[in-house]
Amino acid sequence: MAFFLPYTANMPQITVAHSPDSDDAFMFWGLASGAVESNYEFEHILRDIQTLNEWAMEGRLESTAVSVHAFAYVADKYALLRHGGSFGDGYGPMIVSIEPFAPEDLSAKKIAIPGLLTSAYLAYR
């Protein structure tokens, strides 16, 4: 059973940014839905992970999801929280193609990536 807190204008606000991907949505659901009791109001900003990586490098957000790859570049500005992450063996980025090709032909292909500081690009490299 979820308990929802009523909105009050006197609650301090914390901005939380994350991607609209299902794994991030799951990790932040408790805050977004009000199911977690708190004396804070949370504003959620949903953006693609490359945008969040760039904003984090600028120190623009109070709290944000970033790629594991990008965290190395923002560790002086942000603390790594324990509440969740989603990266692992057999899960995550994959290469898809309209036409089948052999793995050894990959180097001759043009590959779309979500951003240079994304974990998907790091895994691809």
C-alpha atoms as a PDB file:
ATOM      1  CA  MET A   1       0.000   0.000   0.000  1.00  0.00           C
ATOM      2  CA  ALA A   2       1.344   3.427  -0.924  1.00  0.00           C
ATOM      3  CA  PHE A   3       0.905   6.459   1.271  1.00  0.00           C
ATOM      4  CA  PHE A   4       0.776   9.757  -0.560  1.00  0.00           C
ATOM      5  CA  LEU A   5       1.679  13.020   1.103  1.00  0.00           C
ATOM      6  CA  PRO A   6      -0.384  16.113   0.474  1.00  0.00           C
ATOM      7  CA  TYR A   7       1.361  18.966  -1.306  1.00  0.00           C
ATOM      8  CA  THR A   8       2.278  21.910   0.878  1.00  0.00           C
ATOM      9  CA  ALA A   9       3.852  25.125  -0.354  1.00  0.00           C
ATOM     10  CA  ASN A  10       6.200  25.196   2.667  1.00  0.00           C
ATOM     11  CA  MET A  11       8.170  22.084   1.736  1.00  0.00           C
ATOM     12  CA  PRO A  12      11.734  22.672   0.472  1.00  0.00           C
ATOM     13  CA  GLN A  13      12.200  21.507  -3.104  1.00  0.00           C
ATOM     14  CA  ILE A  14      14.921  19.240  -4.503  1.00  0.00           C
ATOM     15  CA  THR A  15      15.384  18.851  -8.246  1.00  0.00           C
ATOM     16  CA  VAL A  16      15.994  15.278  -9.395  1.00  0.00           C
ATOM     17  CA  ALA A  17      16.910  14.613 -13.032  1.00  0.00           C
ATOM     18  CA  HIS A  18      16.861  11.232 -14.727  1.00  0.00           C
ATOM     19  CA  SER A  19      16.158   9.619 -18.065  1.00  0.00           C
ATOM     20  CA  PRO A  20      12.648   8.494 -19.006  1.00  0.00           C
ATOM     21  CA  ASP A  21      13.937   4.914 -19.383  1.00  0.00           C
ATOM     22  CA  SER A  22      12.047   2.267 -17.434  1.00  0.00           C
ATOM     23  CA  ASP A  23      14.978   1.466 -15.112  1.00  0.00           C
ATOM     24  CA  ASP A  24      15.342   5.108 -14.034  1.00  0.00           C
ATOM     25  CA  ALA A  25      11.572   5.481 -13.753  1.00  0.00           C
ATOM     26  CA  PHE A  26      11.533   2.476 -11.419  1.00  0.00           C
ATOM     27  CA  MET A  27      14.381   3.811  -9.260  1.00  0.00           C
ATOM     28  CA  PHE A  28      12.743   7.223  -8.876  1.00  0.00           C
ATOM     29  CA  TRP A  29       9.103   6.066  -8.658  1.00  0.00           C
ATOM     30  CA  GLY A  30       8.907   6.391  -4.867  1.00  0.00           C
ATOM     31  CA  LEU A  31       9.875  10.056  -5.028  1.00  0.00           C
ATOM     32  CA  ALA A  32       7.866  10.851  -8.157  1.00  0.00           C
ATOM     33  CA  SER A  33       4.672   9.265  -6.849  1.00  0.00           C
ATOM     34  CA  GLY A  34       4.881  10.611  -3.302  1.00  0.00           C
ATOM     35  CA  ALA A  35       4.950   7.058  -1.915  1.00  0.00           C
ATOM     36  CA  VAL A  36       8.102   7.878   0.077  1.00  0.00           C
ATOM     37  CA  GLU A  37       7.372  10.041   3.102  1.00  0.00           C
ATOM     38  CA  SER A  38       9.496  13.144   3.055  1.00  0.00           C
ATOM     39  CA  ASN A  39       9.615  16.720   4.229  1.00  0.00           C
ATOM     40  CA  TYR A  40      10.738  17.694   0.733  1.00  0.00           C
ATOM     41  CA  GLU A  41       8.990  18.272  -2.553  1.00  0.00           C
ATOM     42  CA  PHE A  42      10.738  16.723  -5.566  1.00  0.00           C
ATOM     43  CA  GLU A  43      10.783  18.263  -9.019  1.00  0.00           C
ATOM     44  CA  HIS A  44      11.556  15.652 -11.684  1.00  0.00           C
ATOM     45  CA  ILE A  45      13.325  16.579 -14.887  1.00  0.00           C
ATOM     46  CA  LEU A  46      13.310  13.898 -17.592  1.00  0.00           C
ATOM     47  CA  ARG A  47      16.002  14.121 -20.289  1.00  0.00           C
ATOM     48  CA  ASP A  48      18.120  11.768 -22.374  1.00  0.00           C
ATOM     49  CA  ILE A  49      21.268  10.516 -20.651  1.00  0.00           C
ATOM     50  CA  GLN A  50      23.720  12.481 -22.820  1.00  0.00           C
ATOM     51  CA  THR A  51      21.980  15.750 -21.902  1.00  0.00           C
ATOM     52  CA  LEU A  52      22.108  14.785 -18.214  1.00  0.00           C
ATOM     53  CA  ASN A  53      25.820  13.928 -18.546  1.00  0.00           C
ATOM     54  CA  GLU A  54      26.505  17.357 -20.080  1.00  0.00           C
ATOM     55  CA  TRP A  55      24.436  19.192 -17.471  1.00  0.00           C
ATOM     56  CA  ALA A  56      26.236  17.308 -14.684  1.00  0.00           C
ATOM     57  CA  MET A  57      29.605  18.354 -16.114  1.00  0.00           C
ATOM     58  CA  GLU A  58      28.374  21.958 -15.829  1.00  0.00           C
ATOM     59  CA  GLY A  59      27.243  21.296 -12.223  1.00  0.00           C
ATOM     60  CA  ARG A  60      23.779  22.436 -13.259  1.00  0.00           C
ATOM     61  CA  LEU A  61      21.621  19.997 -11.252  1.00  0.00           C
ATOM     62  CA  GLU A  62      21.224  19.219  -7.550  1.00  0.00           C
ATOM     63  CA  SER A  63      20.728  15.513  -8.185  1.00  0.00           C
ATOM     64  CA  THR A  64      20.950  13.657 -11.489  1.00  0.00           C
ATOM     65  CA  ALA A  65      21.398  10.309 -13.119  1.00  0.00           C
ATOM     66  CA  VAL A  66      24.579  10.069 -15.183  1.00  0.00           C
ATOM     67  CA  SER A  67      26.284   7.329 -17.151  1.00  0.00           C
ATOM     68  CA  VAL A  68      28.929   5.317 -15.340  1.00  0.00           C
ATOM     69  CA  HIS A  69      31.338   6.587 -17.995  1.00  0.00           C
ATOM     70  CA  ALA A  70      30.429  10.226 -17.277  1.00  0.00           C
ATOM     71  CA  PHE A  71      30.661   9.825 -13.504  1.00  0.00           C
ATOM     72  CA  ALA A  72      34.458   9.805 -13.728  1.00  0.00           C
ATOM     73  CA  TYR A  73      34.221  13.361 -15.063  1.00  0.00           C
ATOM     74  CA  VAL A  74      31.782  14.647 -12.416  1.00  0.00           C
ATOM     75  CA  ALA A  75      32.962  12.827  -9.274  1.00  0.00           C
ATOM     76  CA  ASP A  76      34.349  16.137  -7.975  1.00  0.00           C
ATOM     77  CA  LYS A  77      30.835  17.663  -8.133  1.00  0.00           C
ATOM     78  CA  TYR A  78      28.523  14.759  -7.244  1.00  0.00           C
ATOM     79  CA  ALA A  79      28.407  11.881  -4.765  1.00  0.00           C
ATOM     80  CA  LEU A  80      27.476   8.414  -5.986  1.00  0.00           C
ATOM     81  CA  LEU A  81      24.258   7.311  -4.272  1.00  0.00           C
ATOM     82  CA  ARG A  82      23.468   3.736  -3.254  1.00  0.00           C
ATOM     83  CA  HIS A  83      19.844   3.629  -4.386  1.00  0.00           C
ATOM     84  CA  GLY A  84      20.351   2.092  -7.780  1.00  0.00           C
ATOM     85  CA  GLY A  85      22.082   1.654 -11.045  1.00  0.00           C
ATOM     86  CA  SER A  86      21.434  -0.409 -14.109  1.00  0.00           C
ATOM     87  CA  PHE A  87      24.364  -1.807 -15.953  1.00  0.00           C
ATOM     88  CA  GLY A  88      25.412  -5.403 -16.149  1.00  0.00           C
ATOM     89  CA  ASP A  89      26.361  -8.450 -18.139  1.00  0.00           C
ATOM     90  CA  GLY A  90      23.702  -9.379 -20.676  1.00  0.00           C
ATOM     91  CA  TYR A  91      21.781  -6.154 -20.078  1.00  0.00           C
ATOM     92  CA  GLY A  92      22.171  -2.814 -21.706  1.00  0.00           C
ATOM     93  CA  PRO A  93      23.352  -1.509 -25.036  1.00  0.00           C
ATOM     94  CA  MET A  94      23.186  -3.647 -28.154  1.00  0.00           C
ATOM     95  CA  ILE A  95      23.811  -3.153 -31.830  1.00  0.00           C
ATOM     96  CA  VAL A  96      20.836  -3.741 -34.116  1.00  0.00           C
ATOM     97  CA  SER A  97      20.746  -3.747 -37.894  1.00  0.00           C
ATOM     98  CA  ILE A  98      18.152  -4.018 -40.643  1.00  0.00           C
ATOM     99  CA  GLU A  99      20.413  -6.383 -42.595  1.00  0.00           C
ATOM    100  CA  PRO A 100      22.351  -9.202 -40.894  1.00  0.00           C
ATOM    101  CA  PHE A 101      26.148  -8.963 -40.906  1.00  0.00           C
ATOM    102  CA  ALA A 102      29.066 -10.812 -39.328  1.00  0.00           C
ATOM    103  CA  PRO A 103      30.697  -9.365 -36.184  1.00  0.00           C
ATOM    104  CA  GLU A 104      34.007  -9.010 -38.040  1.00  0.00           C
ATOM    105  CA  ASP A 105      32.288  -6.566 -40.442  1.00  0.00           C
ATOM    106  CA  LEU A 106      31.323  -4.203 -37.610  1.00  0.00           C
ATOM    107  CA  SER A 107      34.353  -1.935 -38.038  1.00  0.00           C
ATOM    108  CA  ALA A 108      33.171  -1.007 -41.545  1.00  0.00           C
ATOM    109  CA  LYS A 109      29.697  -0.003 -40.332  1.00  0.00           C
ATOM    110  CA  LYS A 110      28.403   3.413 -39.295  1.00  0.00           C
ATOM    111  CA  ILE A 111      27.093   3.083 -35.713  1.00  0.00           C
ATOM    112  CA  ALA A 112      24.660   5.490 -34.038  1.00  0.00           C
ATOM    113  CA  ILE A 113      25.440   6.179 -30.375  1.00  0.00           C
ATOM    114  CA  PRO A 114      23.470   7.979 -27.642  1.00  0.00           C
ATOM    115  CA  GLY A 115      26.473  10.170 -26.728  1.00  0.00           C
ATOM    116  CA  LEU A 116      30.247  10.079 -26.277  1.00  0.00           C
ATOM    117  CA  LEU A 117      30.051   9.905 -22.473  1.00  0.00           C
ATOM    118  CA  THR A 118      27.385   7.200 -22.320  1.00  0.00           C
ATOM    119  CA  SER A 119      27.971   3.719 -20.975  1.00  0.00           C
ATOM    120  CA  ALA A 120      26.629   2.374 -24.285  1.00  0.00           C
ATOM    121  CA  TYR A 121      29.461   4.073 -26.169  1.00  0.00           C
ATOM    122  CA  LEU A 122      32.024   2.936 -23.601  1.00  0.00           C
ATOM    123  CA  ALA A 123      30.851  -0.687 -23.945  1.00  0.00           C
ATOM    124  CA  TYR A 124      30.929  -0.414 -27.738  1.00  0.00           C
ATOM    125  CA  ARG A 125      34.513   0.853 -27.743  1.00  0.00           C
END
